C-alpha atoms as a PDB file:
ATOM      1  CA  UNK A   1       0.000   0.000   0.000  1.00  0.00           C
ATOM      2  CA  UNK A   2       1.200   3.504  -0.862  1.00  0.00           C
ATOM      3  CA  UNK A   3       0.976   5.819   2.153  1.00  0.00           C
ATOM      4  CA  UNK A   4       0.668   9.537   1.552  1.00  0.00           C
ATOM      5  CA  UNK A   5       0.989  12.113   4.337  1.00  0.00           C
ATOM      6  CA  UNK A   6      -0.874  15.382   3.788  1.00  0.00           C
ATOM      7  CA  UNK A   7       0.531  18.036   6.115  1.00  0.00           C
ATOM      8  CA  UNK A   8      -1.382  21.308   6.110  1.00  0.00           C
ATOM      9  CA  UNK A   9      -2.463  24.366   8.015  1.00  0.00           C
ATOM     10  CA  UNK A  10      -5.893  25.941   7.545  1.00  0.00           C
ATOM     11  CA  UNK A  11      -6.760  29.299   9.051  1.00  0.00           C
ATOM     12  CA  UNK A  12     -10.477  29.469   8.239  1.00  0.00           C
ATOM     13  CA  UNK A  13     -11.397  25.996   6.971  1.00  0.00           C
ATOM     14  CA  UNK A  14     -10.979  26.557   3.232  1.00  0.00           C
ATOM     15  CA  UNK A  15      -7.524  24.941   3.022  1.00  0.00           C
ATOM     16  CA  UNK A  16      -8.776  22.058   5.195  1.00  0.00           C
ATOM     17  CA  UNK A  17     -11.484  21.449   2.590  1.00  0.00           C
ATOM     18  CA  UNK A  18      -8.799  21.471  -0.115  1.00  0.00           C
ATOM     19  CA  UNK A  19      -6.667  19.050   1.967  1.00  0.00           C
ATOM     20  CA  UNK A  20      -9.620  16.673   2.226  1.00  0.00           C
ATOM     21  CA  UNK A  21     -10.012  16.801  -1.560  1.00  0.00           C
ATOM     22  CA  UNK A  22      -6.305  15.979  -1.983  1.00  0.00           C
ATOM     23  CA  UNK A  23      -6.884  12.990   0.327  1.00  0.00           C
ATOM     24  CA  UNK A  24      -9.878  11.887  -1.747  1.00  0.00           C
ATOM     25  CA  UNK A  25      -7.645  11.983  -4.811  1.00  0.00           C
ATOM     26  CA  UNK A  26      -5.026   9.842  -3.091  1.00  0.00           C
ATOM     27  CA  UNK A  27      -7.770   7.295  -2.369  1.00  0.00           C
ATOM     28  CA  UNK A  28      -8.582   7.154  -6.111  1.00  0.00           C
ATOM     29  CA  UNK A  29      -5.144   5.646  -6.747  1.00  0.00           C
ATOM     30  CA  UNK A  30      -5.116   1.876  -6.527  1.00  0.00           C
ATOM     31  CA  UNK A  31      -3.765   0.684  -3.191  1.00  0.00           C
ATOM     32  CA  UNK A  32      -3.151   4.175  -1.798  1.00  0.00           C
ATOM     33  CA  UNK A  33      -4.055   5.630   1.574  1.00  0.00           C
ATOM     34  CA  UNK A  34      -3.921   9.244   2.752  1.00  0.00           C
ATOM     35  CA  UNK A  35      -3.357  10.424   6.294  1.00  0.00           C
ATOM     36  CA  UNK A  36      -4.081  14.076   7.010  1.00  0.00           C
ATOM     37  CA  UNK A  37      -1.961  15.931   9.554  1.00  0.00           C
ATOM     38  CA  UNK A  38      -3.495  19.274  10.504  1.00  0.00           C
ATOM     39  CA  UNK A  39      -1.090  21.815  11.947  1.00  0.00           C
ATOM     40  CA  UNK A  40      -2.822  23.553  14.854  1.00  0.00           C
ATOM     41  CA  UNK A  41      -3.225  27.299  15.487  1.00  0.00           C
ATOM     42  CA  UNK A  42       0.071  27.314  17.410  1.00  0.00           C
ATOM     43  CA  UNK A  43       1.933  25.693  14.515  1.00  0.00           C
ATOM     44  CA  UNK A  44       2.223  22.258  16.110  1.00  0.00           C
ATOM     45  CA  UNK A  45       1.506  18.681  15.083  1.00  0.00           C
ATOM     46  CA  UNK A  46       0.849  15.811  17.499  1.00  0.00           C
ATOM     47  CA  UNK A  47       4.064  14.441  19.043  1.00  0.00           C
ATOM     48  CA  UNK A  48       4.145  11.263  16.945  1.00  0.00           C
ATOM     49  CA  UNK A  49       3.347  12.967  13.617  1.00  0.00           C
ATOM     50  CA  UNK A  50       6.937  13.549  12.441  1.00  0.00           C
ATOM     51  CA  UNK A  51       7.742   9.861  12.853  1.00  0.00           C
ATOM     52  CA  UNK A  52       4.546   8.866  11.025  1.00  0.00           C
ATOM     53  CA  UNK A  53       5.326  11.291   8.184  1.00  0.00           C
ATOM     54  CA  UNK A  54       8.790   9.719   7.955  1.00  0.00           C
ATOM     55  CA  UNK A  55       7.116   6.349   7.321  1.00  0.00           C
ATOM     56  CA  UNK A  56       5.016   7.687   4.410  1.00  0.00           C
ATOM     57  CA  UNK A  57       5.922   7.151   0.750  1.00  0.00           C
ATOM     58  CA  UNK A  58       4.940  10.718  -0.177  1.00  0.00           C
ATOM     59  CA  UNK A  59       4.334  14.028   1.569  1.00  0.00           C
ATOM     60  CA  UNK A  60       1.960  16.678   0.237  1.00  0.00           C
ATOM     61  CA  UNK A  61       2.278  20.136   1.779  1.00  0.00           C
ATOM     62  CA  UNK A  62      -0.581  22.623   2.106  1.00  0.00           C
ATOM     63  CA  UNK A  63      -1.142  26.093   3.498  1.00  0.00           C
ATOM     64  CA  UNK A  64      -3.172  29.161   2.692  1.00  0.00           C
ATOM     65  CA  UNK A  65      -1.197  31.930   1.044  1.00  0.00           C
ATOM     66  CA  UNK A  66      -0.999  34.854   3.447  1.00  0.00           C
ATOM     67  CA  UNK A  67       0.897  37.974   2.401  1.00  0.00           C
ATOM     68  CA  UNK A  68       2.669  36.184  -0.455  1.00  0.00           C
ATOM     69  CA  UNK A  69       3.735  33.000   1.341  1.00  0.00           C
ATOM     70  CA  UNK A  70       2.622  30.156   3.597  1.00  0.00           C
ATOM     71  CA  UNK A  71       1.135  30.848   7.024  1.00  0.00           C
ATOM     72  CA  UNK A  72       3.597  31.161   9.910  1.00  0.00           C
ATOM     73  CA  UNK A  73       2.125  27.985  11.406  1.00  0.00           C
ATOM     74  CA  UNK A  74       3.298  26.042   8.343  1.00  0.00           C
ATOM     75  CA  UNK A  75       6.726  27.692   8.547  1.00  0.00           C
ATOM     76  CA  UNK A  76       7.012  26.523  12.166  1.00  0.00           C
ATOM     77  CA  UNK A  77       6.354  22.961  10.970  1.00  0.00           C
ATOM     78  CA  UNK A  78       8.952  23.415   8.210  1.00  0.00           C
ATOM     79  CA  UNK A  79      11.521  24.556  10.767  1.00  0.00           C
ATOM     80  CA  UNK A  80      10.697  21.586  12.999  1.00  0.00           C
ATOM     81  CA  UNK A  81      11.296  19.273  10.031  1.00  0.00           C
ATOM     82  CA  UNK A  82      15.024  19.901  10.454  1.00  0.00           C
ATOM     83  CA  UNK A  83      15.087  16.853  12.753  1.00  0.00           C
ATOM     84  CA  UNK A  84      14.022  14.412  10.005  1.00  0.00           C
ATOM     85  CA  UNK A  85      16.206  16.423   7.594  1.00  0.00           C
ATOM     86  CA  UNK A  86      19.270  15.723   9.739  1.00  0.00           C
ATOM     87  CA  UNK A  87      18.752  11.959   9.313  1.00  0.00           C
ATOM     88  CA  UNK A  88      17.526  12.309   5.699  1.00  0.00           C
ATOM     89  CA  UNK A  89      14.291  10.563   6.757  1.00  0.00           C
ATOM     90  CA  UNK A  90      12.269  12.116   3.916  1.00  0.00           C
ATOM     91  CA  UNK A  91      14.894  11.715   1.199  1.00  0.00           C
ATOM     92  CA  UNK A  92      13.596  10.247  -2.079  1.00  0.00           C
ATOM     93  CA  UNK A  93       9.967  10.513  -0.971  1.00  0.00           C
ATOM     94  CA  UNK A  94       7.618  12.011  -3.534  1.00  0.00           C
ATOM     95  CA  UNK A  95       6.307  15.483  -2.665  1.00  0.00           C
ATOM     96  CA  UNK A  96       3.651  17.896  -3.898  1.00  0.00           C
ATOM     97  CA  UNK A  97       1.782  20.933  -2.669  1.00  0.00           C
ATOM     98  CA  UNK A  98      -1.400  22.980  -2.660  1.00  0.00           C
ATOM     99  CA  UNK A  99      -2.486  26.416  -1.554  1.00  0.00           C
ATOM    100  CA  UNK A 100      -5.528  28.626  -1.326  1.00  0.00           C
ATOM    101  CA  UNK A 101      -6.159  32.370  -1.022  1.00  0.00           C
ATOM    102  CA  UNK A 102      -8.968  34.842  -1.473  1.00  0.00           C
ATOM    103  CA  UNK A 103      -7.484  36.481  -4.544  1.00  0.00           C
ATOM    104  CA  UNK A 104      -7.336  35.025  -8.031  1.00  0.00           C
ATOM    105  CA  UNK A 105      -3.549  35.345  -7.963  1.00  0.00           C
ATOM    106  CA  UNK A 106      -2.527  36.472  -4.497  1.00  0.00           C
ATOM    107  CA  UNK A 107       1.073  35.388  -5.218  1.00  0.00           C
ATOM    108  CA  UNK A 108       0.101  31.764  -4.645  1.00  0.00           C
ATOM    109  CA  UNK A 109       3.106  30.547  -6.616  1.00  0.00           C
ATOM    110  CA  UNK A 110       5.400  31.916  -3.901  1.00  0.00           C
ATOM    111  CA  UNK A 111       3.799  29.426  -1.487  1.00  0.00           C
ATOM    112  CA  UNK A 112       4.200  26.542  -3.944  1.00  0.00           C
ATOM    113  CA  UNK A 113       7.809  27.614  -4.469  1.00  0.00           C
ATOM    114  CA  UNK A 114       8.319  27.551  -0.676  1.00  0.00           C
ATOM    115  CA  UNK A 115       6.994  23.975  -0.565  1.00  0.00           C
ATOM    116  CA  UNK A 116       9.225  23.016  -3.491  1.00  0.00           C
ATOM    117  CA  UNK A 117      12.279  24.477  -1.742  1.00  0.00           C
ATOM    118  CA  UNK A 118      11.380  22.611   1.452  1.00  0.00           C
ATOM    119  CA  UNK A 119      11.046  19.386  -0.530  1.00  0.00           C
ATOM    120  CA  UNK A 120      14.444  19.925  -2.141  1.00  0.00           C
ATOM    121  CA  UNK A 121      16.027  20.568   1.254  1.00  0.00           C
ATOM    122  CA  UNK A 122      14.731  17.123   2.197  1.00  0.00           C
ATOM    123  CA  UNK A 123      15.917  15.534  -1.068  1.00  0.00           C
ATOM    124  CA  UNK A 124      12.380  14.761  -2.200  1.00  0.00           C
ATOM    125  CA  UNK A 125      11.043  14.259  -5.717  1.00  0.00           C
ATOM    126  CA  UNK A 126       8.536  16.992  -6.627  1.00  0.00           C
ATOM    127  CA  UNK A 127       5.359  16.244  -8.588  1.00  0.00           C
ATOM    128  CA  UNK A 128       3.247  19.048 -10.044  1.00  0.00           C
ATOM    129  CA  UNK A 129      -0.308  18.893 -11.316  1.00  0.00           C
ATOM    130  CA  UNK A 130       0.448  17.720 -14.847  1.00  0.00           C
ATOM    131  CA  UNK A 131      -2.785  19.437 -15.907  1.00  0.00           C
ATOM    132  CA  UNK A 132      -3.459  21.702 -18.837  1.00  0.00           C
ATOM    133  CA  UNK A 133      -5.111  25.000 -17.872  1.00  0.00           C
ATOM    134  CA  UNK A 134      -8.773  25.741 -18.491  1.00  0.00           C
ATOM    135  CA  UNK A 135      -8.046  29.067 -20.147  1.00  0.00           C
ATOM    136  CA  UNK A 136     -10.620  29.537 -22.897  1.00  0.00           C
ATOM    137  CA  UNK A 137     -13.458  32.090 -22.805  1.00  0.00           C
ATOM    138  CA  UNK A 138     -15.923  29.342 -21.957  1.00  0.00           C
ATOM    139  CA  UNK A 139     -13.962  28.290 -18.834  1.00  0.00           C
ATOM    140  CA  UNK A 140     -14.512  29.431 -15.262  1.00  0.00           C
ATOM    141  CA  UNK A 141     -14.101  28.471 -11.603  1.00  0.00           C
ATOM    142  CA  UNK A 142     -15.942  25.176 -11.972  1.00  0.00           C
ATOM    143  CA  UNK A 143     -13.329  23.868 -14.425  1.00  0.00           C
ATOM    144  CA  UNK A 144     -10.255  21.832 -13.547  1.00  0.00           C
ATOM    145  CA  UNK A 145      -7.082  23.922 -13.257  1.00  0.00           C
ATOM    146  CA  UNK A 146      -8.872  27.163 -14.043  1.00  0.00           C
ATOM    147  CA  UNK A 147      -6.170  29.037 -12.113  1.00  0.00           C
ATOM    148  CA  UNK A 148      -3.441  27.335 -14.207  1.00  0.00           C
ATOM    149  CA  UNK A 149      -1.361  25.825 -11.414  1.00  0.00           C
ATOM    150  CA  UNK A 150       1.419  23.632 -12.745  1.00  0.00           C
ATOM    151  CA  UNK A 151       3.763  23.453  -9.747  1.00  0.00           C
ATOM    152  CA  UNK A 152       0.884  22.634  -7.377  1.00  0.00           C
ATOM    153  CA  UNK A 153      -2.872  22.850  -6.916  1.00  0.00           C
ATOM    154  CA  UNK A 154      -4.148  26.413  -6.539  1.00  0.00           C
ATOM    155  CA  UNK A 155      -7.540  27.334  -5.121  1.00  0.00           C
ATOM    156  CA  UNK A 156      -9.521  30.542  -4.733  1.00  0.00           C
ATOM    157  CA  UNK A 157     -11.819  31.146  -1.777  1.00  0.00           C
ATOM    158  CA  UNK A 158     -13.306  34.658  -1.896  1.00  0.00           C
ATOM    159  CA  UNK A 159     -12.814  36.538   1.365  1.00  0.00           C
ATOM    160  CA  UNK A 160     -16.542  36.565   2.089  1.00  0.00           C
ATOM    161  CA  UNK A 161     -17.111  32.861   1.272  1.00  0.00           C
ATOM    162  CA  UNK A 162     -17.609  30.256   3.975  1.00  0.00           C
ATOM    163  CA  UNK A 163     -15.814  26.894   3.654  1.00  0.00           C
ATOM    164  CA  UNK A 164     -19.066  25.311   2.428  1.00  0.00           C
ATOM    165  CA  UNK A 165     -18.984  27.775  -0.508  1.00  0.00           C
ATOM    166  CA  UNK A 166     -15.299  27.660  -1.473  1.00  0.00           C
ATOM    167  CA  UNK A 167     -12.994  26.401  -2.772  1.00  0.00           C
ATOM    168  CA  UNK A 168     -15.205  25.784  -5.779  1.00  0.00           C
ATOM    169  CA  UNK A 169     -15.843  22.558  -7.660  1.00  0.00           C
ATOM    170  CA  UNK A 170     -13.027  22.984 -10.191  1.00  0.00           C
ATOM    171  CA  UNK A 171     -10.413  23.783  -7.542  1.00  0.00           C
ATOM    172  CA  UNK A 172     -11.451  20.781  -5.453  1.00  0.00           C
ATOM    173  CA  UNK A 173     -11.257  18.462  -8.455  1.00  0.00           C
ATOM    174  CA  UNK A 174      -7.822  19.902  -9.271  1.00  0.00           C
ATOM    175  CA  UNK A 175      -6.778  19.055  -5.695  1.00  0.00           C
ATOM    176  CA  UNK A 176      -8.129  15.503  -6.087  1.00  0.00           C
ATOM    177  CA  UNK A 177      -6.208  15.055  -9.329  1.00  0.00           C
ATOM    178  CA  UNK A 178      -3.005  16.263  -7.650  1.00  0.00           C
ATOM    179  CA  UNK A 179      -3.487  13.803  -4.777  1.00  0.00           C
ATOM    180  CA  UNK A 180      -4.085  10.966  -7.221  1.00  0.00           C
ATOM    181  CA  UNK A 181      -1.036  11.868  -9.306  1.00  0.00           C
ATOM    182  CA  UNK A 182       1.260  12.077  -6.285  1.00  0.00           C
ATOM    183  CA  UNK A 183       0.028   8.687  -5.014  1.00  0.00           C
ATOM    184  CA  UNK A 184       0.422   7.044  -8.416  1.00  0.00           C
ATOM    185  CA  UNK A 185       3.917   8.498  -8.827  1.00  0.00           C
ATOM    186  CA  UNK A 186       4.910   7.318  -5.346  1.00  0.00           C
ATOM    187  CA  UNK A 187       3.696   3.815  -6.210  1.00  0.00           C
ATOM    188  CA  UNK A 188       5.903   3.788  -9.315  1.00  0.00           C
ATOM    189  CA  UNK A 189       8.957   4.721  -7.235  1.00  0.00           C
ATOM    190  CA  UNK A 190       8.123   2.030  -4.676  1.00  0.00           C
ATOM    191  CA  UNK A 191       7.780  -0.677  -7.345  1.00  0.00           C
END
């Protein structure tokens, strides 16, 4: 079985909804299982989480984009990952990432780039969305990869939308497809 750890922080519930969609996508892959690790408001994970993440075949990182980067709670987790880094516990694991913000752009790529850099510090193998953008006049928020994320799954949750309203259908399906692709890629490396 391919085990995928999804490590994320969610400030208002929108990124948690996206994380759940990534997990649903992992479950679409044959023989794959997702475990979600929510970083709390103080930037902490449960004590045993780092060891469990080290046992996973893949790690998918998620955070809202705040002020052009991941939330400080995610950065605290990233700093704490220096312990598994020291032993190269995450080396050669597949990695991916997702983010969400209220704005259509909101400098989301800076957050994906942060995740990519973290993955490279750990010696991981990055997997992007592999999806073409939905960029014709007929396309909109309900379409897959409407926001044209290639390095990771991008979602838009308007500032006045509750988590039951956003991210929208297309962004959630994009997240599912990323989760599935990461799990399938991890299975190929494990074979």
